[in-house]
Amino acid sequence: MNEVVKLEIASFALIYALLIIILFIMKKSQIQQSKLLIWASFRMTIQLILAGWILTYIFQNPHPTFVITYFLLMNIFAIHRVLSKNQSLNRKFKISIALSLSLSGLGIIVFFIAVIIGENLFNPQYVIPLSGMVVGNAMTGVTLGVKTFRESFEGQRNRIEALLNLGAHPKKILLPFANQALETALLPTMNSMLGMGIVSLPGMMTGQILSGTNPSTAVLYQIAIMIAIASVVSVSVFSSLYLGYRTLYNEKYQMDLS
């Protein structure tokens, strides 16, 4: 297979011209997010350039400390993003989210690399990119799931309190909200899996093919990582919600949001 074509800086810079199309559409549609688009594009560029430099150094100087540190930073950022979108939650609920994200991501990564690939758990070539996909999707899933649960809960707060006053058990009241939120969080991943290979070729598979990997090998990796992603989203959202909703009431079955 041919080697991947190296992008020249001058040619690469032309991709930013496509942002003009987005800005035009925003203006026509009266969407006041032009500054956000420009800031997001700038921030993405800087972050990815820095990540590229850091990863180049780590790959050239592989050491378990670098891998562990990078993984920890991924998790800290993911937890921060989820909690920043759900600041009204009580402390115990937030702890449930943090533990669910961290432990589910770690468990799936260890299983994927040690059992499926059979590689060293501190090999940065595998651990860092795979962790990024797993933790990133878990973060998105938990954010969506918890947001859905919180909005449903807050929207029917009066009804919930009325049912509690009538003697209903909090679990029977809150469990449907958790189930609905879990379903909502899983749908994007399920839809992505349904359309994969027909509607789209996923990023990991495309990247491997561009780098010269045999398509058959790229397919196996993509199937494996998608199942891993679906698993981590399911486990992290489920544990966040099912541990979290129990923090909303005390042993006397009274609402306790502190």
C-alpha atoms as a PDB file:
ATOM      1  CA  MET A   1       0.000   0.000   0.000  1.00  0.00           C
ATOM      2  CA  ASN A   2       1.107   3.593  -0.634  1.00  0.00           C
ATOM      3  CA  GLU A   3       2.454   5.641   2.256  1.00  0.00           C
ATOM      4  CA  VAL A   4       0.179   8.294   3.709  1.00  0.00           C
ATOM      5  CA  VAL A   5       0.497  11.669   2.000  1.00  0.00           C
ATOM      6  CA  LYS A   6       2.135  14.225   4.281  1.00  0.00           C
ATOM      7  CA  LEU A   7       0.139  17.428   4.596  1.00  0.00           C
ATOM      8  CA  GLU A   8       2.078  20.614   3.890  1.00  0.00           C
ATOM      9  CA  ILE A   9       1.346  23.572   6.165  1.00  0.00           C
ATOM     10  CA  ALA A  10       0.247  25.806   3.269  1.00  0.00           C
ATOM     11  CA  SER A  11      -2.190  23.211   1.944  1.00  0.00           C
ATOM     12  CA  PHE A  12      -3.428  22.297   5.404  1.00  0.00           C
ATOM     13  CA  ALA A  13      -4.193  25.952   6.228  1.00  0.00           C
ATOM     14  CA  LEU A  14      -6.769  26.028   3.412  1.00  0.00           C
ATOM     15  CA  ILE A  15      -9.068  23.787   5.471  1.00  0.00           C
ATOM     16  CA  TYR A  16      -9.873  26.802   7.632  1.00  0.00           C
ATOM     17  CA  ALA A  17     -11.541  28.370   4.588  1.00  0.00           C
ATOM     18  CA  LEU A  18     -14.425  25.951   5.205  1.00  0.00           C
ATOM     19  CA  LEU A  19     -15.210  27.849   8.394  1.00  0.00           C
ATOM     20  CA  ILE A  20     -16.434  30.687   6.179  1.00  0.00           C
ATOM     21  CA  ILE A  21     -19.251  28.411   4.997  1.00  0.00           C
ATOM     22  CA  ILE A  22     -20.287  27.727   8.593  1.00  0.00           C
ATOM     23  CA  LEU A  23     -20.139  31.419   9.480  1.00  0.00           C
ATOM     24  CA  PHE A  24     -22.291  32.244   6.432  1.00  0.00           C
ATOM     25  CA  ILE A  25     -24.896  29.639   7.428  1.00  0.00           C
ATOM     26  CA  MET A  26     -24.927  30.961  10.994  1.00  0.00           C
ATOM     27  CA  LYS A  27     -25.469  34.514   9.786  1.00  0.00           C
ATOM     28  CA  LYS A  28     -28.267  33.479   7.404  1.00  0.00           C
ATOM     29  CA  SER A  29     -29.935  31.477  10.171  1.00  0.00           C
ATOM     30  CA  GLN A  30     -29.453  34.276  12.727  1.00  0.00           C
ATOM     31  CA  ILE A  31     -27.458  31.993  15.002  1.00  0.00           C
ATOM     32  CA  GLN A  32     -25.383  34.163  17.342  1.00  0.00           C
ATOM     33  CA  GLN A  33     -22.533  31.701  17.822  1.00  0.00           C
ATOM     34  CA  SER A  34     -19.901  33.033  15.418  1.00  0.00           C
ATOM     35  CA  LYS A  35     -17.475  33.956  18.191  1.00  0.00           C
ATOM     36  CA  LEU A  36     -17.925  30.539  19.766  1.00  0.00           C
ATOM     37  CA  LEU A  37     -17.112  28.812  16.462  1.00  0.00           C
ATOM     38  CA  ILE A  38     -13.944  30.856  15.990  1.00  0.00           C
ATOM     39  CA  TRP A  39     -12.881  30.339  19.613  1.00  0.00           C
ATOM     40  CA  ALA A  40     -13.639  26.599  19.462  1.00  0.00           C
ATOM     41  CA  SER A  41     -11.633  26.221  16.225  1.00  0.00           C
ATOM     42  CA  PHE A  42      -8.694  28.169  17.685  1.00  0.00           C
ATOM     43  CA  ARG A  43      -8.769  26.262  20.962  1.00  0.00           C
ATOM     44  CA  MET A  44      -9.047  22.895  19.162  1.00  0.00           C
ATOM     45  CA  THR A  45      -6.033  23.747  16.996  1.00  0.00           C
ATOM     46  CA  ILE A  46      -3.856  24.796  19.937  1.00  0.00           C
ATOM     47  CA  GLN A  47      -4.883  21.821  22.072  1.00  0.00           C
ATOM     48  CA  LEU A  48      -4.225  19.290  19.302  1.00  0.00           C
ATOM     49  CA  ILE A  49      -0.853  20.836  18.405  1.00  0.00           C
ATOM     50  CA  LEU A  50       0.197  20.669  22.063  1.00  0.00           C
ATOM     51  CA  ALA A  51      -1.116  17.104  22.317  1.00  0.00           C
ATOM     52  CA  GLY A  52       0.885  16.199  19.202  1.00  0.00           C
ATOM     53  CA  TRP A  53       4.104  17.542  20.716  1.00  0.00           C
ATOM     54  CA  ILE A  54       3.478  15.809  24.036  1.00  0.00           C
ATOM     55  CA  LEU A  55       2.604  12.477  22.409  1.00  0.00           C
ATOM     56  CA  THR A  56       5.648  12.649  20.146  1.00  0.00           C
ATOM     57  CA  TYR A  57       7.843  13.058  23.218  1.00  0.00           C
ATOM     58  CA  ILE A  58       6.073  10.251  25.103  1.00  0.00           C
ATOM     59  CA  PHE A  59       6.293   7.836  22.166  1.00  0.00           C
ATOM     60  CA  GLN A  60       9.998   8.593  21.782  1.00  0.00           C
ATOM     61  CA  ASN A  61      10.581   8.248  25.535  1.00  0.00           C
ATOM     62  CA  PRO A  62       8.086   5.595  26.695  1.00  0.00           C
ATOM     63  CA  HIS A  63       7.747   5.346  30.468  1.00  0.00           C
ATOM     64  CA  PRO A  64       4.883   4.148  32.701  1.00  0.00           C
ATOM     65  CA  THR A  65       4.851   7.494  34.559  1.00  0.00           C
ATOM     66  CA  PHE A  66       3.992   9.383  31.371  1.00  0.00           C
ATOM     67  CA  VAL A  67       1.203   6.953  30.463  1.00  0.00           C
ATOM     68  CA  ILE A  68      -0.340   7.002  33.947  1.00  0.00           C
ATOM     69  CA  THR A  69      -0.145  10.800  34.132  1.00  0.00           C
ATOM     70  CA  TYR A  70      -1.766  11.232  30.724  1.00  0.00           C
ATOM     71  CA  PHE A  71      -4.564   8.811  31.627  1.00  0.00           C
ATOM     72  CA  LEU A  72      -5.179  10.582  34.946  1.00  0.00           C
ATOM     73  CA  LEU A  73      -5.352  13.961  33.217  1.00  0.00           C
ATOM     74  CA  MET A  74      -7.873  12.560  30.724  1.00  0.00           C
ATOM     75  CA  ASN A  75     -10.075  11.358  33.578  1.00  0.00           C
ATOM     76  CA  ILE A  76      -9.779  14.573  35.573  1.00  0.00           C
ATOM     77  CA  PHE A  77     -10.766  16.639  32.538  1.00  0.00           C
ATOM     78  CA  ALA A  78     -13.669  14.282  31.701  1.00  0.00           C
ATOM     79  CA  ILE A  79     -14.991  14.412  35.278  1.00  0.00           C
ATOM     80  CA  HIS A  80     -14.649  18.200  35.349  1.00  0.00           C
ATOM     81  CA  ARG A  81     -16.595  18.542  32.087  1.00  0.00           C
ATOM     82  CA  VAL A  82     -19.459  16.363  33.316  1.00  0.00           C
ATOM     83  CA  LEU A  83     -19.703  18.066  36.708  1.00  0.00           C
ATOM     84  CA  SER A  84     -19.449  21.558  35.225  1.00  0.00           C
ATOM     85  CA  LYS A  85     -22.595  20.792  33.203  1.00  0.00           C
ATOM     86  CA  ASN A  86     -24.425  19.519  36.295  1.00  0.00           C
ATOM     87  CA  GLN A  87     -23.390  21.839  39.109  1.00  0.00           C
ATOM     88  CA  SER A  88     -26.711  21.595  40.964  1.00  0.00           C
ATOM     89  CA  LEU A  89     -26.158  17.946  41.921  1.00  0.00           C
ATOM     90  CA  ASN A  90     -25.377  17.072  45.523  1.00  0.00           C
ATOM     91  CA  ARG A  91     -21.875  16.073  46.609  1.00  0.00           C
ATOM     92  CA  LYS A  92     -22.589  12.335  46.857  1.00  0.00           C
ATOM     93  CA  PHE A  93     -24.072  12.274  43.354  1.00  0.00           C
ATOM     94  CA  LYS A  94     -20.944  14.000  42.025  1.00  0.00           C
ATOM     95  CA  ILE A  95     -18.727  11.443  43.755  1.00  0.00           C
ATOM     96  CA  SER A  96     -20.785   8.655  42.152  1.00  0.00           C
ATOM     97  CA  ILE A  97     -20.193  10.205  38.732  1.00  0.00           C
ATOM     98  CA  ALA A  98     -16.451  10.626  39.315  1.00  0.00           C
ATOM     99  CA  LEU A  99     -16.000   7.031  40.488  1.00  0.00           C
ATOM    100  CA  SER A 100     -18.173   5.624  37.700  1.00  0.00           C
ATOM    101  CA  LEU A 101     -16.245   7.452  34.973  1.00  0.00           C
ATOM    102  CA  SER A 102     -12.822   6.588  36.374  1.00  0.00           C
ATOM    103  CA  LEU A 103     -13.362   2.927  37.231  1.00  0.00           C
ATOM    104  CA  SER A 104     -15.406   1.987  34.150  1.00  0.00           C
ATOM    105  CA  GLY A 105     -12.877   3.607  31.821  1.00  0.00           C
ATOM    106  CA  LEU A 106      -9.934   1.968  33.595  1.00  0.00           C
ATOM    107  CA  GLY A 107     -11.586  -1.455  33.602  1.00  0.00           C
ATOM    108  CA  ILE A 108     -12.472  -1.414  29.900  1.00  0.00           C
ATOM    109  CA  ILE A 109      -9.005  -0.139  28.897  1.00  0.00           C
ATOM    110  CA  VAL A 110      -7.188  -2.793  30.941  1.00  0.00           C
ATOM    111  CA  PHE A 111      -9.376  -5.548  29.464  1.00  0.00           C
ATOM    112  CA  PHE A 112      -9.007  -4.233  25.893  1.00  0.00           C
ATOM    113  CA  ILE A 113      -5.227  -3.846  25.947  1.00  0.00           C
ATOM    114  CA  ALA A 114      -4.229  -6.791  28.148  1.00  0.00           C
ATOM    115  CA  VAL A 115      -6.765  -9.365  26.908  1.00  0.00           C
ATOM    116  CA  ILE A 116      -7.891  -8.358  23.402  1.00  0.00           C
ATOM    117  CA  ILE A 117      -4.632  -6.897  22.057  1.00  0.00           C
ATOM    118  CA  GLY A 118      -2.242  -8.657  24.431  1.00  0.00           C
ATOM    119  CA  GLU A 119       0.012  -5.632  24.826  1.00  0.00           C
ATOM    120  CA  ASN A 120       1.874  -4.077  27.729  1.00  0.00           C
ATOM    121  CA  LEU A 121      -0.508  -1.928  29.791  1.00  0.00           C
ATOM    122  CA  PHE A 122       2.021   0.914  29.713  1.00  0.00           C
ATOM    123  CA  ASN A 123       2.606   0.939  25.958  1.00  0.00           C
ATOM    124  CA  PRO A 124       1.706   4.567  25.041  1.00  0.00           C
ATOM    125  CA  GLN A 125       1.076   3.693  21.380  1.00  0.00           C
ATOM    126  CA  TYR A 126      -2.005   1.717  22.413  1.00  0.00           C
ATOM    127  CA  VAL A 127      -2.972   3.030  25.834  1.00  0.00           C
ATOM    128  CA  ILE A 128      -3.186   6.761  25.068  1.00  0.00           C
ATOM    129  CA  PRO A 129      -5.244   6.802  21.834  1.00  0.00           C
ATOM    130  CA  LEU A 130      -7.555   3.996  22.961  1.00  0.00           C
ATOM    131  CA  SER A 131      -8.025   5.633  26.358  1.00  0.00           C
ATOM    132  CA  GLY A 132      -8.899   8.874  24.600  1.00  0.00           C
ATOM    133  CA  MET A 133     -11.688   7.208  22.642  1.00  0.00           C
ATOM    134  CA  VAL A 134     -13.033   5.264  25.612  1.00  0.00           C
ATOM    135  CA  VAL A 135     -12.880   8.084  28.177  1.00  0.00           C
ATOM    136  CA  GLY A 136     -14.138  10.666  25.667  1.00  0.00           C
ATOM    137  CA  ASN A 137     -17.207   8.632  24.783  1.00  0.00           C
ATOM    138  CA  ALA A 138     -17.863   7.808  28.440  1.00  0.00           C
ATOM    139  CA  MET A 139     -17.719  11.528  29.229  1.00  0.00           C
ATOM    140  CA  THR A 140     -20.220  12.325  26.477  1.00  0.00           C
ATOM    141  CA  GLY A 141     -22.552   9.517  27.529  1.00  0.00           C
ATOM    142  CA  VAL A 142     -22.523  10.418  31.218  1.00  0.00           C
ATOM    143  CA  THR A 143     -23.001  14.112  30.454  1.00  0.00           C
ATOM    144  CA  LEU A 144     -26.049  13.340  28.325  1.00  0.00           C
ATOM    145  CA  GLY A 145     -27.465  10.770  30.737  1.00  0.00           C
ATOM    146  CA  VAL A 146     -27.081  12.846  33.891  1.00  0.00           C
ATOM    147  CA  LYS A 147     -28.347  15.987  32.144  1.00  0.00           C
ATOM    148  CA  THR A 148     -31.464  14.126  30.977  1.00  0.00           C
ATOM    149  CA  PHE A 149     -32.060  12.698  34.452  1.00  0.00           C
ATOM    150  CA  ARG A 150     -31.530  16.038  36.188  1.00  0.00           C
ATOM    151  CA  GLU A 151     -33.812  17.967  33.842  1.00  0.00           C
ATOM    152  CA  SER A 152     -36.549  15.328  34.124  1.00  0.00           C
ATOM    153  CA  PHE A 153     -36.204  15.307  37.912  1.00  0.00           C
ATOM    154  CA  GLU A 154     -36.260  19.092  38.242  1.00  0.00           C
ATOM    155  CA  GLY A 155     -39.162  19.394  35.809  1.00  0.00           C
ATOM    156  CA  GLN A 156     -41.338  17.083  37.919  1.00  0.00           C
ATOM    157  CA  ARG A 157     -40.067  18.032  41.352  1.00  0.00           C
ATOM    158  CA  ASN A 158     -43.508  18.948  42.681  1.00  0.00           C
ATOM    159  CA  ARG A 159     -45.033  15.695  41.407  1.00  0.00           C
ATOM    160  CA  ILE A 160     -42.232  13.672  42.988  1.00  0.00           C
ATOM    161  CA  GLU A 161     -42.683  15.377  46.360  1.00  0.00           C
ATOM    162  CA  ALA A 162     -46.453  14.840  46.176  1.00  0.00           C
ATOM    163  CA  LEU A 163     -45.953  11.111  45.538  1.00  0.00           C
ATOM    164  CA  LEU A 164     -43.511  10.901  48.435  1.00  0.00           C
ATOM    165  CA  ASN A 165     -46.061  12.543  50.715  1.00  0.00           C
ATOM    166  CA  LEU A 166     -48.560   9.883  49.646  1.00  0.00           C
ATOM    167  CA  GLY A 167     -46.161   7.173  50.771  1.00  0.00           C
ATOM    168  CA  ALA A 168     -44.556   6.127  47.470  1.00  0.00           C
ATOM    169  CA  HIS A 169     -41.037   4.695  47.737  1.00  0.00           C
ATOM    170  CA  PRO A 170     -38.406   7.028  46.227  1.00  0.00           C
ATOM    171  CA  LYS A 171     -36.904   4.161  44.238  1.00  0.00           C
ATOM    172  CA  LYS A 172     -40.173   3.530  42.380  1.00  0.00           C
ATOM    173  CA  ILE A 173     -40.442   7.244  41.596  1.00  0.00           C
ATOM    174  CA  LEU A 174     -36.851   7.916  40.529  1.00  0.00           C
ATOM    175  CA  LEU A 175     -36.008   4.624  38.782  1.00  0.00           C
ATOM    176  CA  PRO A 176     -38.063   5.427  35.632  1.00  0.00           C
ATOM    177  CA  PHE A 177     -36.176   8.720  35.293  1.00  0.00           C
ATOM    178  CA  ALA A 178     -32.867   6.853  35.527  1.00  0.00           C
ATOM    179  CA  ASN A 179     -33.994   4.259  32.962  1.00  0.00           C
ATOM    180  CA  GLN A 180     -35.114   6.928  30.520  1.00  0.00           C
ATOM    181  CA  ALA A 181     -31.858   8.860  30.945  1.00  0.00           C
ATOM    182  CA  LEU A 182     -29.802   5.698  30.375  1.00  0.00           C
ATOM    183  CA  GLU A 183     -31.696   4.968  27.158  1.00  0.00           C
ATOM    184  CA  THR A 184     -31.162   8.539  25.948  1.00  0.00           C
ATOM    185  CA  ALA A 185     -27.431   8.326  26.668  1.00  0.00           C
ATOM    186  CA  LEU A 186     -27.047   5.007  24.819  1.00  0.00           C
ATOM    187  CA  LEU A 187     -28.929   6.011  21.662  1.00  0.00           C
ATOM    188  CA  PRO A 188     -26.107   8.010  19.974  1.00  0.00           C
ATOM    189  CA  THR A 189     -23.692   5.088  20.340  1.00  0.00           C
ATOM    190  CA  MET A 190     -26.297   2.577  19.117  1.00  0.00           C
ATOM    191  CA  ASN A 191     -27.123   4.758  16.095  1.00  0.00           C
ATOM    192  CA  SER A 192     -23.435   5.131  15.313  1.00  0.00           C
ATOM    193  CA  MET A 193     -22.991   1.350  15.369  1.00  0.00           C
ATOM    194  CA  LEU A 194     -26.048   0.837  13.136  1.00  0.00           C
ATOM    195  CA  GLY A 195     -24.708   3.132  10.418  1.00  0.00           C
ATOM    196  CA  MET A 196     -21.065   2.100  10.616  1.00  0.00           C
ATOM    197  CA  GLY A 197     -19.673   0.597   7.424  1.00  0.00           C
ATOM    198  CA  ILE A 198     -22.695   1.723   5.376  1.00  0.00           C
ATOM    199  CA  VAL A 199     -23.279   5.377   6.205  1.00  0.00           C
ATOM    200  CA  SER A 200     -19.763   6.097   7.390  1.00  0.00           C
ATOM    201  CA  LEU A 201     -16.271   4.738   7.868  1.00  0.00           C
ATOM    202  CA  PRO A 202     -15.309   5.554  11.474  1.00  0.00           C
ATOM    203  CA  GLY A 203     -12.334   7.699  12.403  1.00  0.00           C
ATOM    204  CA  MET A 204     -10.113   5.002  13.879  1.00  0.00           C
ATOM    205  CA  MET A 205     -10.534   2.718  10.875  1.00  0.00           C
ATOM    206  CA  THR A 206      -9.977   5.579   8.420  1.00  0.00           C
ATOM    207  CA  GLY A 207      -6.828   6.659  10.258  1.00  0.00           C
ATOM    208  CA  GLN A 208      -5.405   3.146  10.234  1.00  0.00           C
ATOM    209  CA  ILE A 209      -6.123   2.696   6.523  1.00  0.00           C
ATOM    210  CA  LEU A 210      -4.525   6.061   5.714  1.00  0.00           C
ATOM    211  CA  SER A 211      -1.437   5.044   7.692  1.00  0.00           C
ATOM    212  CA  GLY A 212      -1.094   1.877   5.592  1.00  0.00           C
ATOM    213  CA  THR A 213      -2.761  -0.729   7.817  1.00  0.00           C
ATOM    214  CA  ASN A 214      -4.470  -3.598   6.014  1.00  0.00           C
ATOM    215  CA  PRO A 215      -8.246  -2.826   5.862  1.00  0.00           C
ATOM    216  CA  SER A 216      -9.076  -6.246   7.334  1.00  0.00           C
ATOM    217  CA  THR A 217      -6.974  -5.505  10.410  1.00  0.00           C
ATOM    218  CA  ALA A 218      -8.462  -2.012  10.651  1.00  0.00           C
ATOM    219  CA  VAL A 219     -11.965  -3.522  10.565  1.00  0.00           C
ATOM    220  CA  LEU A 220     -11.218  -5.872  13.474  1.00  0.00           C
ATOM    221  CA  TYR A 221      -9.795  -3.031  15.556  1.00  0.00           C
ATOM    222  CA  GLN A 222     -12.812  -0.844  14.785  1.00  0.00           C
ATOM    223  CA  ILE A 223     -15.318  -3.530  15.751  1.00  0.00           C
ATOM    224  CA  ALA A 224     -13.433  -4.174  18.982  1.00  0.00           C
ATOM    225  CA  ILE A 225     -13.188  -0.490  19.950  1.00  0.00           C
ATOM    226  CA  MET A 226     -16.866   0.169  19.164  1.00  0.00           C
ATOM    227  CA  ILE A 227     -17.950  -2.667  21.435  1.00  0.00           C
ATOM    228  CA  ALA A 228     -15.565  -1.328  24.090  1.00  0.00           C
ATOM    229  CA  ILE A 229     -17.036   2.169  23.680  1.00  0.00           C
ATOM    230  CA  ALA A 230     -20.613   0.880  23.898  1.00  0.00           C
ATOM    231  CA  SER A 231     -19.644  -1.057  27.035  1.00  0.00           C
ATOM    232  CA  VAL A 232     -17.957   1.855  28.793  1.00  0.00           C
ATOM    233  CA  VAL A 233     -20.833   4.206  27.971  1.00  0.00           C
ATOM    234  CA  SER A 234     -23.336   1.671  29.288  1.00  0.00           C
ATOM    235  CA  VAL A 235     -21.415   0.905  32.497  1.00  0.00           C
ATOM    236  CA  SER A 236     -20.414   4.503  33.300  1.00  0.00           C
ATOM    237  CA  VAL A 237     -23.891   5.953  32.697  1.00  0.00           C
ATOM    238  CA  PHE A 238     -25.659   3.085  34.478  1.00  0.00           C
ATOM    239  CA  SER A 239     -23.468   3.292  37.575  1.00  0.00           C
ATOM    240  CA  SER A 240     -23.578   7.124  37.642  1.00  0.00           C
ATOM    241  CA  LEU A 241     -27.374   7.166  37.537  1.00  0.00           C
ATOM    242  CA  TYR A 242     -28.152   4.138  39.670  1.00  0.00           C
ATOM    243  CA  LEU A 243     -25.697   5.120  42.392  1.00  0.00           C
ATOM    244  CA  GLY A 244     -26.539   8.791  41.991  1.00  0.00           C
ATOM    245  CA  TYR A 245     -30.309   8.711  42.300  1.00  0.00           C
ATOM    246  CA  ARG A 246     -30.003   6.904  45.642  1.00  0.00           C
ATOM    247  CA  THR A 247     -28.252   9.988  47.025  1.00  0.00           C
ATOM    248  CA  LEU A 248     -31.409  12.058  46.482  1.00  0.00           C
ATOM    249  CA  TYR A 249     -33.247  10.599  49.477  1.00  0.00           C
ATOM    250  CA  ASN A 250     -32.297   9.571  53.021  1.00  0.00           C
ATOM    251  CA  GLU A 251     -33.005   6.488  55.117  1.00  0.00           C
ATOM    252  CA  LYS A 252     -36.387   7.952  56.064  1.00  0.00           C
ATOM    253  CA  TYR A 253     -37.318   8.110  52.357  1.00  0.00           C
ATOM    254  CA  GLN A 254     -37.274  11.908  52.410  1.00  0.00           C
ATOM    255  CA  MET A 255     -35.764  14.002  49.619  1.00  0.00           C
ATOM    256  CA  ASP A 256     -32.211  14.949  50.594  1.00  0.00           C
ATOM    257  CA  LEU A 257     -30.347  17.099  48.067  1.00  0.00           C
ATOM    258  CA  SER A 258     -27.487  18.176  50.341  1.00  0.00           C
END
